[in-house]
Protein backbone atom coordinates (compact mmCIF):
# COMPACT_ATOMS: atom_id res chain seq x y z
CA ALA A 1 -14.27 -18.42 -1.59
CA LEU A 2 -14.22 -19.56 -5.20
CA GLY A 3 -11.93 -16.83 -6.34
CA ARG A 4 -14.48 -15.32 -8.74
CA TYR A 5 -13.82 -11.81 -7.52
CA GLU A 6 -14.85 -9.77 -10.56
CA GLU A 7 -18.12 -11.54 -10.86
CA SER A 8 -18.91 -11.04 -7.21
CA ARG A 9 -17.82 -7.38 -7.38
CA SER A 10 -20.16 -6.70 -10.28
CA ALA A 11 -23.01 -8.38 -8.39
CA LEU A 12 -22.38 -6.36 -5.27
CA GLU A 13 -22.10 -3.07 -7.09
CA LYS A 14 -25.38 -3.82 -8.89
CA ALA A 15 -27.00 -4.54 -5.49
CA VAL A 16 -25.79 -1.17 -4.12
CA GLU A 17 -27.14 0.55 -7.29
CA LEU A 18 -30.50 -1.10 -6.94
CA SER A 19 -30.85 -0.64 -3.17
CA PRO A 20 -28.54 2.15 -2.08
CA ASN A 21 -30.17 2.38 1.32
CA PHE A 22 -29.74 -1.23 2.15
CA ALA A 23 -26.75 -1.74 4.42
CA GLU A 24 -25.87 -5.40 3.58
CA PRO A 25 -24.46 -4.90 0.07
CA TRP A 26 -22.21 -2.06 1.33
CA TYR A 27 -20.86 -4.34 4.05
CA ASN A 28 -20.30 -7.24 1.54
CA LEU A 29 -18.58 -4.88 -0.85
CA ALA A 30 -16.31 -3.77 2.00
CA VAL A 31 -15.38 -7.37 2.68
CA TRP A 32 -14.79 -7.84 -1.01
CA HIS A 33 -12.29 -4.91 -1.06
CA THR A 34 -10.55 -6.36 1.96
CA ARG A 35 -10.10 -9.77 0.41
CA ALA A 36 -9.78 -9.10 -3.28
CA THR A 37 -7.78 -5.85 -3.40
CA HIS A 38 -6.53 -5.39 0.13
CA ASP A 39 -7.70 -1.78 -0.19
CA LEU A 40 -8.38 -1.13 3.45
CA SER A 41 -9.09 2.57 2.88
CA LYS A 42 -11.89 1.77 0.41
CA ALA A 43 -13.12 -1.06 2.67
CA ARG A 44 -13.37 1.33 5.63
CA GLU A 45 -15.38 3.78 3.56
CA LEU A 46 -17.82 1.12 2.47
CA TYR A 47 -18.10 -0.33 5.94
CA ARG A 48 -18.83 3.08 7.42
CA ARG A 49 -21.59 3.60 4.82
CA SER A 50 -23.07 0.24 5.86
CA VAL A 51 -23.15 1.21 9.50
CA GLU A 52 -24.58 4.65 8.68
CA LEU A 53 -27.42 2.87 6.94
CA GLY A 54 -28.23 0.85 10.05
CA GLY A 55 -26.02 -2.20 9.42
CA LEU A 56 -24.58 -3.86 12.50
CA SER A 57 -21.10 -2.97 13.59
CA ASP A 58 -18.65 -5.92 13.42
CA PRO A 59 -15.73 -5.59 15.81
CA ASP A 60 -13.83 -8.48 14.23
CA PHE A 61 -14.13 -6.91 10.77
CA GLU A 62 -13.20 -3.51 12.14
CA ALA A 63 -9.97 -5.15 13.55
CA LEU A 64 -9.16 -6.22 10.05
CA LEU A 65 -9.49 -2.68 8.75
CA VAL A 66 -6.81 -1.29 11.01
CA GLU A 67 -3.62 -0.61 9.08
CA THR A 68 -0.40 -1.59 10.78
CA PRO A 69 2.74 0.33 10.18
């Protein structure tokens, strides 16, 4: 929300590195990619990893990850 994208990206990547089997940082990194880079492909990949690790699925977020022609 503050626009400090690179700082937040670094923190999220560090959280994934420290706890790779914890779903929440993967989800938050997916959200980061959606907002900061608009890279929906990468966001979908990270989101899928989060769900694979037991994170809750989020239909509203999934709707954001759908690319429109």
